[in-house]
PDB file of N, CA and C in Angstrom:
ATOM      1  N   MET A   1      79.851  41.645-297.545  1.00  0.00           N
ATOM      2  CA  MET A   1      78.963  41.141-297.674  1.00  0.00           C
ATOM      3  C   MET A   1      79.568  41.367-299.361  1.00  0.00           C
ATOM      4  N   PRO A   2      79.384  40.269-300.533  1.00  0.00           N
ATOM      5  CA  PRO A   2      78.956  39.766-301.672  1.00  0.00           C
ATOM      6  C   PRO A   2      79.742  41.158-302.472  1.00  0.00           C
ATOM      7  N   ARG A   3      79.627  41.494-303.532  1.00  0.00           N
ATOM      8  CA  ARG A   3      80.346  42.838-303.920  1.00  0.00           C
ATOM      9  C   ARG A   3      80.049  42.516-305.500  1.00  0.00           C
ATOM     10  N   ASP A   4      79.544  41.009-305.453  1.00  0.00           N
ATOM     11  CA  ASP A   4      79.242  40.687-307.673  1.00  0.00           C
ATOM     12  C   ASP A   4      77.743  40.888-307.630  1.00  0.00           C
ATOM     13  N   PRO A   5      76.763  41.307-308.407  1.00  0.00           N
ATOM     14  CA  PRO A   5      75.587  41.776-308.299  1.00  0.00           C
ATOM     15  C   PRO A   5      74.998  40.903-308.652  1.00  0.00           C
ATOM     16  N   GLU A   6      75.213  39.395-308.942  1.00  0.00           N
ATOM     17  CA  GLU A   6      74.822  37.974-309.342  1.00  0.00           C
ATOM     18  C   GLU A   6      74.431  37.303-308.276  1.00  0.00           C
ATOM     19  N   SER A   7      75.127  37.762-307.466  1.00  0.00           N
ATOM     20  CA  SER A   7      74.632  37.201-305.266  1.00  0.00           C
ATOM     21  C   SER A   7      73.658  38.236-304.752  1.00  0.00           C
ATOM     22  N   TRP A   8      73.375  39.435-305.655  1.00  0.00           N
ATOM     23  CA  TRP A   8      72.026  39.739-305.156  1.00  0.00           C
ATOM     24  C   TRP A   8      70.749  39.313-306.072  1.00  0.00           C
ATOM     25  N   ARG A   9      70.884  38.755-307.212  1.00  0.00           N
ATOM     26  CA  ARG A   9      69.985  38.723-308.204  1.00  0.00           C
ATOM     27  C   ARG A   9      68.473  37.593-307.094  1.00  0.00           C
ATOM     28  N   SER A  10      68.996  37.009-306.460  1.00  0.00           N
ATOM     29  CA  SER A  10      67.330  36.687-305.327  1.00  0.00           C
ATOM     30  C   SER A  10      66.482  37.572-304.837  1.00  0.00           C
ATOM     31  N   VAL A  11      67.296  38.644-304.833  1.00  0.00           N
ATOM     32  CA  VAL A  11      66.446  39.947-304.804  1.00  0.00           C
ATOM     33  C   VAL A  11      65.192  39.569-304.868  1.00  0.00           C
ATOM     34  N   LEU A  12      65.215  39.242-306.058  1.00  0.00           N
ATOM     35  CA  LEU A  12      63.205  39.518-306.628  1.00  0.00           C
ATOM     36  C   LEU A  12      63.091  37.350-306.774  1.00  0.00           C
ATOM     37  N   ARG A  13      63.294  37.549-305.325  1.00  0.00           N
ATOM     38  CA  ARG A  13      62.867  35.430-305.036  1.00  0.00           C
ATOM     39  C   ARG A  13      61.115  34.930-305.768  1.00  0.00           C
ATOM     40  N   GLY A  14      60.997  33.779-305.589  1.00  0.00           N
ATOM     41  CA  GLY A  14      60.234  33.585-306.935  1.00  0.00           C
ATOM     42  C   GLY A  14      59.855  33.668-307.681  1.00  0.00           C
ATOM     43  N   ALA A  15      60.544  34.798-308.551  1.00  0.00           N
ATOM     44  CA  ALA A  15      60.458  35.159-310.372  1.00  0.00           C
ATOM     45  C   ALA A  15      62.231  34.988-310.482  1.00  0.00           C
ATOM     46  N   SER A  16      62.051  33.919-311.962  1.00  0.00           N
ATOM     47  CA  SER A  16      63.336  33.575-312.611  1.00  0.00           C
ATOM     48  C   SER A  16      63.440  34.503-313.592  1.00  0.00           C
ATOM     49  N   PHE A  17      63.375  36.347-313.649  1.00  0.00           N
ATOM     50  CA  PHE A  17      63.603  37.061-314.560  1.00  0.00           C
ATOM     51  C   PHE A  17      65.070  36.946-315.597  1.00  0.00           C
ATOM     52  N   PRO A  18      65.192  36.451-316.871  1.00  0.00           N
ATOM     53  CA  PRO A  18      65.828  36.223-317.968  1.00  0.00           C
ATOM     54  C   PRO A  18      67.312  37.718-317.318  1.00  0.00           C
ATOM     55  N   VAL A  19      68.097  38.016-317.713  1.00  0.00           N
ATOM     56  CA  VAL A  19      68.673  38.589-317.926  1.00  0.00           C
ATOM     57  C   VAL A  19      69.503  39.211-318.623  1.00  0.00           C
ATOM     58  N   VAL A  20      68.724  40.530-319.617  1.00  0.00           N
ATOM     59  CA  VAL A  20      68.978  41.440-319.726  1.00  0.00           C
ATOM     60  C   VAL A  20      70.476  41.750-320.911  1.00  0.00           C
ATOM     61  N   GLY A  21      70.832  42.225-319.348  1.00  0.00           N
ATOM     62  CA  GLY A  21      72.842  43.106-319.870  1.00  0.00           C
ATOM     63  C   GLY A  21      73.123  42.855-318.211  1.00  0.00           C
ATOM     64  N   SER A  22      74.597  42.501-318.175  1.00  0.00           N
ATOM     65  CA  SER A  22      75.715  42.464-316.989  1.00  0.00           C
ATOM     66  C   SER A  22      76.407  43.935-317.688  1.00  0.00           C
ATOM     67  N   GLU A  23      77.830  44.188-316.267  1.00  0.00           N
ATOM     68  CA  GLU A  23      78.333  45.135-316.582  1.00  0.00           C
ATOM     69  C   GLU A  23      79.276  44.925-315.056  1.00  0.00           C
ATOM     70  N   ALA A  24      80.578  45.993-315.715  1.00  0.00           N
ATOM     71  CA  ALA A  24      80.563  45.771-313.451  1.00  0.00           C
ATOM     72  C   ALA A  24      80.477  45.337-313.002  1.00  0.00           C
ATOM     73  N   GLY A  25      79.761  45.122-311.692  1.00  0.00           N
ATOM     74  CA  GLY A  25      78.707  46.211-310.771  1.00  0.00           C
ATOM     75  C   GLY A  25      77.509  46.043-311.401  1.00  0.00           C
ATOM     76  N   GLU A  26      77.277  45.285-311.720  1.00  0.00           N
ATOM     77  CA  GLU A  26      75.730  45.856-312.228  1.00  0.00           C
ATOM     78  C   GLU A  26      75.218  44.093-313.046  1.00  0.00           C
ATOM     79  N   VAL A  27      73.842  43.825-313.137  1.00  0.00           N
ATOM     80  CA  VAL A  27      73.284  43.040-313.808  1.00  0.00           C
ATOM     81  C   VAL A  27      71.731  43.797-314.022  1.00  0.00           C
ATOM     82  N   LEU A  28      71.437  43.842-315.106  1.00  0.00           N
ATOM     83  CA  LEU A  28      70.025  44.098-316.171  1.00  0.00           C
ATOM     84  C   LEU A  28      69.296  42.727-315.946  1.00  0.00           C
ATOM     85  N   LEU A  29      67.583  43.256-315.322  1.00  0.00           N
ATOM     86  CA  LEU A  29      66.996  41.227-315.242  1.00  0.00           C
ATOM     87  C   LEU A  29      65.987  42.624-316.373  1.00  0.00           C
ATOM     88  N   GLY A  30      65.049  41.854-316.472  1.00  0.00           N
ATOM     89  CA  GLY A  30      63.610  41.831-317.534  1.00  0.00           C
ATOM     90  C   GLY A  30      63.548  41.313-318.319  1.00  0.00           C
ATOM     91  N   GLU A  31      61.810  41.781-317.958  1.00  0.00           N
ATOM     92  CA  GLU A  31      60.843  40.762-319.049  1.00  0.00           C
ATOM     93  C   GLU A  31      59.740  41.981-320.141  1.00  0.00           C
ATOM     94  N   ASP A  32      59.855  41.577-321.682  1.00  0.00           N
ATOM     95  CA  ASP A  32      58.306  41.612-322.186  1.00  0.00           C
ATOM     96  C   ASP A  32      57.403  41.628-322.109  1.00  0.00           C
ATOM     97  N   ALA A  33      56.192  41.900-321.405  1.00  0.00           N
ATOM     98  CA  ALA A  33      54.876  40.610-321.493  1.00  0.00           C
ATOM     99  C   ALA A  33      54.245  41.813-322.132  1.00  0.00           C
ATOM    100  N   GLY A  34      53.263  41.622-323.024  1.00  0.00           N
ATOM    101  CA  GLY A  34      51.995  42.127-323.527  1.00  0.00           C
ATOM    102  C   GLY A  34      51.267  44.077-322.999  1.00  0.00           C
ATOM    103  N   HIS A  35      51.132  43.719-321.617  1.00  0.00           N
ATOM    104  CA  HIS A  35      50.689  45.064-320.666  1.00  0.00           C
ATOM    105  C   HIS A  35      51.451  46.171-320.346  1.00  0.00           C
ATOM    106  N   LEU A  36      52.867  45.193-320.065  1.00  0.00           N
ATOM    107  CA  LEU A  36      54.019  46.520-319.933  1.00  0.00           C
ATOM    108  C   LEU A  36      55.472  45.388-320.248  1.00  0.00           C
ATOM    109  N   ASP A  37      56.480  46.336-319.927  1.00  0.00           N
ATOM    110  CA  ASP A  37      57.229  45.575-319.618  1.00  0.00           C
ATOM    111  C   ASP A  37      58.734  46.045-318.772  1.00  0.00           C
ATOM    112  N   PHE A  38      59.268  45.357-318.255  1.00  0.00           N
ATOM    113  CA  PHE A  38      60.127  46.124-317.017  1.00  0.00           C
ATOM    114  C   PHE A  38      61.084  45.712-316.748  1.00  0.00           C
ATOM    115  N   ARG A  39      62.153  46.588-316.303  1.00  0.00           N
ATOM    116  CA  ARG A  39      63.158  46.260-315.928  1.00  0.00           C
ATOM    117  C   ARG A  39      64.108  46.115-315.216  1.00  0.00           C
ATOM    118  N   ALA A  40      64.836  45.197-314.056  1.00  0.00           N
ATOM    119  CA  ALA A  40      65.255  45.654-312.932  1.00  0.00           C
ATOM    120  C   ALA A  40      66.326  46.022-312.500  1.00  0.00           C
ATOM    121  N   SER A  41      67.539  46.518-311.725  1.00  0.00           N
ATOM    122  CA  SER A  41      68.873  47.013-312.286  1.00  0.00           C
ATOM    123  C   SER A  41      69.173  46.513-310.732  1.00  0.00           C
ATOM    124  N   ILE A  42      70.325  45.626-310.435  1.00  0.00           N
ATOM    125  CA  ILE A  42      71.220  46.205-308.521  1.00  0.00           C
ATOM    126  C   ILE A  42      72.060  46.532-309.485  1.00  0.00           C
ATOM    127  N   GLN A  43      72.728  46.705-308.903  1.00  0.00           N
ATOM    128  CA  GLN A  43      74.009  47.714-308.811  1.00  0.00           C
ATOM    129  C   GLN A  43      75.171  47.526-307.965  1.00  0.00           C
ATOM    130  N   VAL A  44      75.870  46.527-307.601  1.00  0.00           N
ATOM    131  CA  VAL A  44      76.525  46.902-305.945  1.00  0.00           C
ATOM    132  C   VAL A  44      77.999  47.816-306.151  1.00  0.00           C
ATOM    133  N   ASP A  45      78.131  48.953-305.062  1.00  0.00           N
ATOM    134  CA  ASP A  45      79.377  49.184-305.130  1.00  0.00           C
ATOM    135  C   ASP A  45      80.177  48.529-303.577  1.00  0.00           C
ATOM    136  N   GLU A  46      81.436  49.485-303.358  1.00  0.00           N
ATOM    137  CA  GLU A  46      81.976  49.620-302.141  1.00  0.00           C
ATOM    138  C   GLU A  46      80.818  49.648-301.120  1.00  0.00           C
ATOM    139  N   LEU A  47      80.389  49.842-301.189  1.00  0.00           N
ATOM    140  CA  LEU A  47      79.139  50.615-299.764  1.00  0.00           C
ATOM    141  C   LEU A  47      77.557  50.289-299.838  1.00  0.00           C
ATOM    142  N   GLN A  48      77.246  50.026-301.392  1.00  0.00           N
ATOM    143  CA  GLN A  48      76.067  49.978-300.910  1.00  0.00           C
ATOM    144  C   GLN A  48      75.327  48.738-302.455  1.00  0.00           C
ATOM    145  N   VAL A  49      74.534  48.853-302.053  1.00  0.00           N
ATOM    146  CA  VAL A  49      73.535  47.981-302.978  1.00  0.00           C
ATOM    147  C   VAL A  49      72.153  48.389-303.525  1.00  0.00           C
ATOM    148  N   THR A  50      72.331  48.584-304.708  1.00  0.00           N
ATOM    149  CA  THR A  50      71.169  49.784-305.388  1.00  0.00           C
ATOM    150  C   THR A  50      70.427  49.108-306.898  1.00  0.00           C
ATOM    151  N   LEU A  51      69.250  49.316-306.043  1.00  0.00           N
ATOM    152  CA  LEU A  51      67.847  48.217-306.846  1.00  0.00           C
ATOM    153  C   LEU A  51      67.486  49.413-307.402  1.00  0.00           C
ATOM    154  N   SER A  52      66.878  49.508-308.462  1.00  0.00           N
ATOM    155  CA  SER A  52      66.160  50.282-309.414  1.00  0.00           C
ATOM    156  C   SER A  52      65.447  49.373-310.401  1.00  0.00           C
ATOM    157  N   THR A  53      63.696  50.031-310.575  1.00  0.00           N
ATOM    158  CA  THR A  53      63.287  49.310-311.573  1.00  0.00           C
ATOM    159  C   THR A  53      62.389  50.981-312.593  1.00  0.00           C
ATOM    160  N   VAL A  54      61.881  49.909-313.409  1.00  0.00           N
ATOM    161  CA  VAL A  54      61.392  51.004-314.720  1.00  0.00           C
ATOM    162  C   VAL A  54      60.469  50.124-315.870  1.00  0.00           C
ATOM    163  N   VAL A  55      59.424  51.059-315.263  1.00  0.00           N
ATOM    164  CA  VAL A  55      58.687  49.671-316.416  1.00  0.00           C
ATOM    165  C   VAL A  55      57.938  51.135-317.179  1.00  0.00           C
ATOM    166  N   ARG A  56      57.067  49.949-318.275  1.00  0.00           N
ATOM    167  CA  ARG A  56      57.096  50.640-319.329  1.00  0.00           C
ATOM    168  C   ARG A  56      55.983  49.981-319.950  1.00  0.00           C
ATOM    169  N   ILE A  57      54.169  51.115-319.638  1.00  0.00           N
ATOM    170  CA  ILE A  57      53.527  50.066-319.266  1.00  0.00           C
ATOM    171  C   ILE A  57      52.719  50.417-321.301  1.00  0.00           C
ATOM    172  N   HIS A  58      51.791  49.824-321.810  1.00  0.00           N
ATOM    173  CA  HIS A  58      51.177  49.255-322.997  1.00  0.00           C
ATOM    174  C   HIS A  58      49.455  49.951-323.554  1.00  0.00           C
ATOM    175  N   ASN A  59      49.209  48.757-322.732  1.00  0.00           N
ATOM    176  CA  ASN A  59      48.011  49.147-322.797  1.00  0.00           C
ATOM    177  C   ASN A  59      46.851  49.871-321.330  1.00  0.00           C
ATOM    178  N   TRP A  60      45.797  49.453-321.195  1.00  0.00           N
ATOM    179  CA  TRP A  60      44.737  49.118-320.218  1.00  0.00           C
ATOM    180  C   TRP A  60      45.056  48.510-318.999  1.00  0.00           C
ATOM    181  N   ARG A  61      45.146  47.192-319.564  1.00  0.00           N
ATOM    182  CA  ARG A  61      45.466  46.453-319.063  1.00  0.00           C
ATOM    183  C   ARG A  61      47.112  46.619-318.010  1.00  0.00           C
ATOM    184  N   GLY A  62      47.656  46.598-318.463  1.00  0.00           N
ATOM    185  CA  GLY A  62      48.834  48.027-317.846  1.00  0.00           C
ATOM    186  C   GLY A  62      48.925  48.590-316.601  1.00  0.00           C
ATOM    187  N   ARG A  63      48.690  49.585-317.641  1.00  0.00           N
ATOM    188  CA  ARG A  63      48.170  50.900-315.704  1.00  0.00           C
ATOM    189  C   ARG A  63      47.338  49.904-315.647  1.00  0.00           C
ATOM    190  N   LEU A  64      45.987  49.781-315.231  1.00  0.00           N
ATOM    191  CA  LEU A  64      45.608  48.834-313.993  1.00  0.00           C
ATOM    192  C   LEU A  64      46.170  48.022-313.105  1.00  0.00           C
ATOM    193  N   TYR A  65      47.163  47.302-313.477  1.00  0.00           N
ATOM    194  CA  TYR A  65      47.999  46.181-313.230  1.00  0.00           C
ATOM    195  C   TYR A  65      49.262  47.049-312.302  1.00  0.00           C
ATOM    196  N   TRP A  66      49.627  48.615-313.007  1.00  0.00           N
ATOM    197  CA  TRP A  66      50.557  49.074-312.613  1.00  0.00           C
ATOM    198  C   TRP A  66      49.980  50.515-311.210  1.00  0.00           C
ATOM    199  N   ALA A  67      48.192  50.336-311.730  1.00  0.00           N
ATOM    200  CA  ALA A  67      48.149  50.996-310.642  1.00  0.00           C
ATOM    201  C   ALA A  67      47.639  50.201-309.201  1.00  0.00           C
ATOM    202  N   VAL A  68      47.555  49.018-309.411  1.00  0.00           N
ATOM    203  CA  VAL A  68      47.585  48.343-307.756  1.00  0.00           C
ATOM    204  C   VAL A  68      48.988  48.520-307.406  1.00  0.00           C
ATOM    205  N   VAL A  69      49.561  48.307-308.359  1.00  0.00           N
ATOM    206  CA  VAL A  69      52.055  47.604-308.310  1.00  0.00           C
ATOM    207  C   VAL A  69      52.276  48.400-307.382  1.00  0.00           C
ATOM    208  N   LYS A  70      51.956  49.888-307.993  1.00  0.00           N
ATOM    209  CA  LYS A  70      52.478  50.936-307.765  1.00  0.00           C
ATOM    210  C   LYS A  70      53.348  51.214-306.372  1.00  0.00           C
ATOM    211  N   HIS A  71      51.764  51.084-305.279  1.00  0.00           N
ATOM    212  CA  HIS A  71      51.902  51.402-303.913  1.00  0.00           C
ATOM    213  C   HIS A  71      52.799  50.621-303.292  1.00  0.00           C
ATOM    214  N   VAL A  72      52.052  49.044-303.793  1.00  0.00           N
ATOM    215  CA  VAL A  72      53.205  48.538-302.656  1.00  0.00           C
ATOM    216  C   VAL A  72      54.481  48.048-302.844  1.00  0.00           C
ATOM    217  N   HIS A  73      55.335  48.261-304.768  1.00  0.00           N
ATOM    218  CA  HIS A  73      56.102  48.061-305.054  1.00  0.00           C
ATOM    219  C   HIS A  73      57.357  48.347-303.964  1.00  0.00           C
ATOM    220  N   PRO A  74      57.720  50.485-303.249  1.00  0.00           N
ATOM    221  CA  PRO A  74      58.588  49.945-302.490  1.00  0.00           C
ATOM    222  C   PRO A  74      59.050  49.890-301.771  1.00  0.00           C
ATOM    223  N   PHE A  75      57.553  49.146-300.417  1.00  0.00           N
ATOM    224  CA  PHE A  75      57.632  48.514-300.228  1.00  0.00           C
ATOM    225  C   PHE A  75      58.161  47.329-300.167  1.00  0.00           C
ATOM    226  N   MET A  76      57.577  46.204-300.975  1.00  0.00           N
ATOM    227  CA  MET A  76      58.154  45.325-301.524  1.00  0.00           C
ATOM    228  C   MET A  76      59.548  44.530-301.525  1.00  0.00           C
ATOM    229  N   ALA A  77      60.254  46.230-302.572  1.00  0.00           N
ATOM    230  CA  ALA A  77      61.296  46.305-302.668  1.00  0.00           C
ATOM    231  C   ALA A  77      62.337  46.571-301.769  1.00  0.00           C
ATOM    232  N   ARG A  78      62.015  46.706-300.752  1.00  0.00           N
ATOM    233  CA  ARG A  78      62.423  46.805-299.267  1.00  0.00           C
ATOM    234  C   ARG A  78      62.748  45.738-298.774  1.00  0.00           C
ATOM    235  N   THR A  79      61.464  45.387-298.971  1.00  0.00           N
ATOM    236  CA  THR A  79      61.835  44.089-297.155  1.00  0.00           C
ATOM    237  C   THR A  79      62.387  42.919-298.678  1.00  0.00           C
ATOM    238  N   MET A  80      62.725  42.996-299.694  1.00  0.00           N
ATOM    239  CA  MET A  80      63.080  41.807-300.235  1.00  0.00           C
ATOM    240  C   MET A  80      64.651  42.167-299.988  1.00  0.00           C
ATOM    241  N   LEU A  81      65.127  43.047-300.448  1.00  0.00           N
ATOM    242  CA  LEU A  81      66.507  43.444-300.038  1.00  0.00           C
ATOM    243  C   LEU A  81      67.058  43.343-298.812  1.00  0.00           C
ATOM    244  N   ARG A  82      65.457  43.407-298.124  1.00  0.00           N
ATOM    245  CA  ARG A  82      66.593  43.274-295.749  1.00  0.00           C
ATOM    246  C   ARG A  82      67.146  41.806-296.420  1.00  0.00           C
ATOM    247  N   ARG A  83      65.600  41.031-296.516  1.00  0.00           N
ATOM    248  CA  ARG A  83      65.503  39.448-296.485  1.00  0.00           C
ATOM    249  C   ARG A  83      66.887  38.488-296.895  1.00  0.00           C
ATOM    250  N   ILE A  84      68.071  39.530-298.608  1.00  0.00           N
ATOM    251  CA  ILE A  84      68.134  38.547-299.344  1.00  0.00           C
ATOM    252  C   ILE A  84      69.965  39.042-298.489  1.00  0.00           C
ATOM    253  N   HIS A  85      69.902  40.555-298.108  1.00  0.00           N
ATOM    254  CA  HIS A  85      70.719  40.854-297.212  1.00  0.00           C
ATOM    255  C   HIS A  85      71.477  40.074-295.733  1.00  0.00           C
ATOM    256  N   ARG A  86      70.033  39.625-295.179  1.00  0.00           N
ATOM    257  CA  ARG A  86      70.084  39.227-293.771  1.00  0.00           C
ATOM    258  C   ARG A  86      70.878  37.735-294.404  1.00  0.00           C
ATOM    259  N   ARG A  87      70.322  37.165-295.102  1.00  0.00           N
ATOM    260  CA  ARG A  87      70.920  35.733-295.915  1.00  0.00           C
ATOM    261  C   ARG A  87      72.184  36.091-296.090  1.00  0.00           C
ATOM    262  N   LEU A  88      72.708  36.478-296.785  1.00  0.00           N
ATOM    263  CA  LEU A  88      74.269  37.074-297.723  1.00  0.00           C
ATOM    264  C   LEU A  88      74.788  37.137-296.185  1.00  0.00           C
ATOM    265  N   ALA A  89      74.161  37.932-295.100  1.00  0.00           N
ATOM    266  CA  ALA A  89      74.938  38.093-294.584  1.00  0.00           C
ATOM    267  C   ALA A  89      75.281  36.883-292.952  1.00  0.00           C
ATOM    268  N   LEU A  90      74.178  36.157-293.560  1.00  0.00           N
ATOM    269  CA  LEU A  90      73.980  34.818-292.183  1.00  0.00           C
ATOM    270  C   LEU A  90      75.532  33.893-292.842  1.00  0.00           C
ATOM    271  N   THR A  91      75.964  33.943-294.179  1.00  0.00           N
ATOM    272  CA  THR A  91      76.503  33.151-294.606  1.00  0.00           C
ATOM    273  C   THR A  91      77.357  32.810-294.707  1.00  0.00           C
ATOM    274  N   ALA A  92      78.213  34.651-294.812  1.00  0.00           N
ATOM    275  CA  ALA A  92      79.274  35.306-295.249  1.00  0.00           C
ATOM    276  C   ALA A  92      80.277  34.459-293.896  1.00  0.00           C
ATOM    277  N   PRO A  93      81.433  34.681-294.188  1.00  0.00           N
ATOM    278  CA  PRO A  93      82.369  34.246-292.763  1.00  0.00           C
ATOM    279  C   PRO A  93      82.766  35.238-292.263  1.00  0.00           C
ATOM    280  N   SER A  94      82.309  35.425-290.750  1.00  0.00           N
ATOM    281  CA  SER A  94      83.043  36.063-290.070  1.00  0.00           C
ATOM    282  C   SER A  94      83.970  36.697-290.079  1.00  0.00           C
ATOM    283  N   ALA A  95      84.565  37.451-288.977  1.00  0.00           N
ATOM    284  CA  ALA A  95      85.701  39.185-289.422  1.00  0.00           C
ATOM    285  C   ALA A  95      86.956  37.397-288.109  1.00  0.00           C
ATOM    286  N   ALA A  96      86.714  36.756-287.335  1.00  0.00           N
ATOM    287  CA  ALA A  96      87.704  36.133-286.940  1.00  0.00           C
ATOM    288  C   ALA A  96      87.335  35.044-288.346  1.00  0.00           C
ATOM    289  N   GLU A  97      86.977  34.584-288.553  1.00  0.00           N
ATOM    290  CA  GLU A  97      87.110  33.313-289.852  1.00  0.00           C
ATOM    291  C   GLU A  97      88.182  33.867-290.836  1.00  0.00           C
ATOM    292  N   ARG A  98      87.538  34.993-291.514  1.00  0.00           N
ATOM    293  CA  ARG A  98      88.121  36.216-292.352  1.00  0.00           C
ATOM    294  C   ARG A  98      89.984  35.963-291.803  1.00  0.00           C
ATOM    295  N   ALA A  99      89.916  36.786-290.452  1.00  0.00           N
ATOM    296  CA  ALA A  99      91.730  36.936-290.330  1.00  0.00           C
ATOM    297  C   ALA A  99      92.026  35.494-290.049  1.00  0.00           C
ATOM    298  N   GLN A 100      91.309  34.593-289.520  1.00  0.00           N
ATOM    299  CA  GLN A 100      92.349  33.062-289.275  1.00  0.00           C
ATOM    300  C   GLN A 100      92.829  32.833-291.661  1.00  0.00           C
ATOM    301  N   GLU A 101      91.831  32.733-291.948  1.00  0.00           N
ATOM    302  CA  GLU A 101      91.961  32.308-293.299  1.00  0.00           C
ATOM    303  C   GLU A 101      93.345  33.336-293.555  1.00  0.00           C
ATOM    304  N   ALA A 102      93.095  34.377-293.787  1.00  0.00           N
ATOM    305  CA  ALA A 102      94.745  35.551-293.793  1.00  0.00           C
ATOM    306  C   ALA A 102      96.023  35.530-293.402  1.00  0.00           C
ATOM    307  N   THR A 103      96.012  34.336-292.146  1.00  0.00           N
ATOM    308  CA  THR A 103      97.150  34.977-291.657  1.00  0.00           C
ATOM    309  C   THR A 103      97.705  33.035-291.979  1.00  0.00           C
ATOM    310  N   THR A 104      96.445  32.347-292.073  1.00  0.00           N
ATOM    311  CA  THR A 104      97.221  31.060-292.121  1.00  0.00           C
ATOM    312  C   THR A 104      97.578  30.428-293.887  1.00  0.00           C
ATOM    313  N   PRO A 105      99.012  29.953-293.879  1.00  0.00           N
ATOM    314  CA  PRO A 105      99.542  30.006-295.023  1.00  0.00           C
ATOM    315  C   PRO A 105      99.147  28.849-295.499  1.00  0.00           C
ATOM    316  N   ALA A 106      98.787  29.258-297.101  1.00  0.00           N
ATOM    317  CA  ALA A 106      98.174  28.064-298.185  1.00  0.00           C
ATOM    318  C   ALA A 106      99.121  26.972-297.912  1.00  0.00           C
ATOM    319  N   VAL A 107      98.605  25.599-298.051  1.00  0.00           N
ATOM    320  CA  VAL A 107      98.767  24.065-297.685  1.00  0.00           C
ATOM    321  C   VAL A 107      99.309  23.473-299.416  1.00  0.00           C
ATOM    322  N   ARG A 108     100.116  23.371-299.912  1.00  0.00           N
ATOM    323  CA  ARG A 108     100.319  23.104-301.639  1.00  0.00           C
ATOM    324  C   ARG A 108     100.402  21.497-301.605  1.00  0.00           C
ATOM    325  N   PRO A 109     100.200  21.346-302.559  1.00  0.00           N
ATOM    326  CA  PRO A 109      99.876  19.479-302.600  1.00  0.00           C
ATOM    327  C   PRO A 109     101.399  18.923-302.506  1.00  0.00           C
ATOM    328  N   GLY A 110     101.642  18.183-302.041  1.00  0.00           N
ATOM    329  CA  GLY A 110     102.761  16.900-302.232  1.00  0.00           C
ATOM    330  C   GLY A 110     104.087  18.299-301.345  1.00  0.00           C
ATOM    331  N   SER A 111     103.810  18.577-300.820  1.00  0.00           N
ATOM    332  CA  SER A 111     104.872  19.177-299.463  1.00  0.00           C
ATOM    333  C   SER A 111     104.772  18.491-298.164  1.00  0.00           C
TER     334      SER A 111
END
């Protein structure tokens, strides 16, 4: 599986949230709106991928929106992580392909 957090960014499918910041192993996405601000962090290490979110509510519209969304959010986050994991796993080279690449000598142009 890829260890680049940018590969996992499409977990938030259907929405192209701007990158607020990034460091080795983590990308921070977010957006500020009139009713609330949110940030989503996708962190990738050797063993796992972690999606964390935080919301700052500004007014009654934000409270109303979050009152509904907070009940569905955990389920949707897990579902989206499973989908992107499956998609990335299906596009990754198999163990046999990786082993063959490791044992095949590199061909140099002009050799």
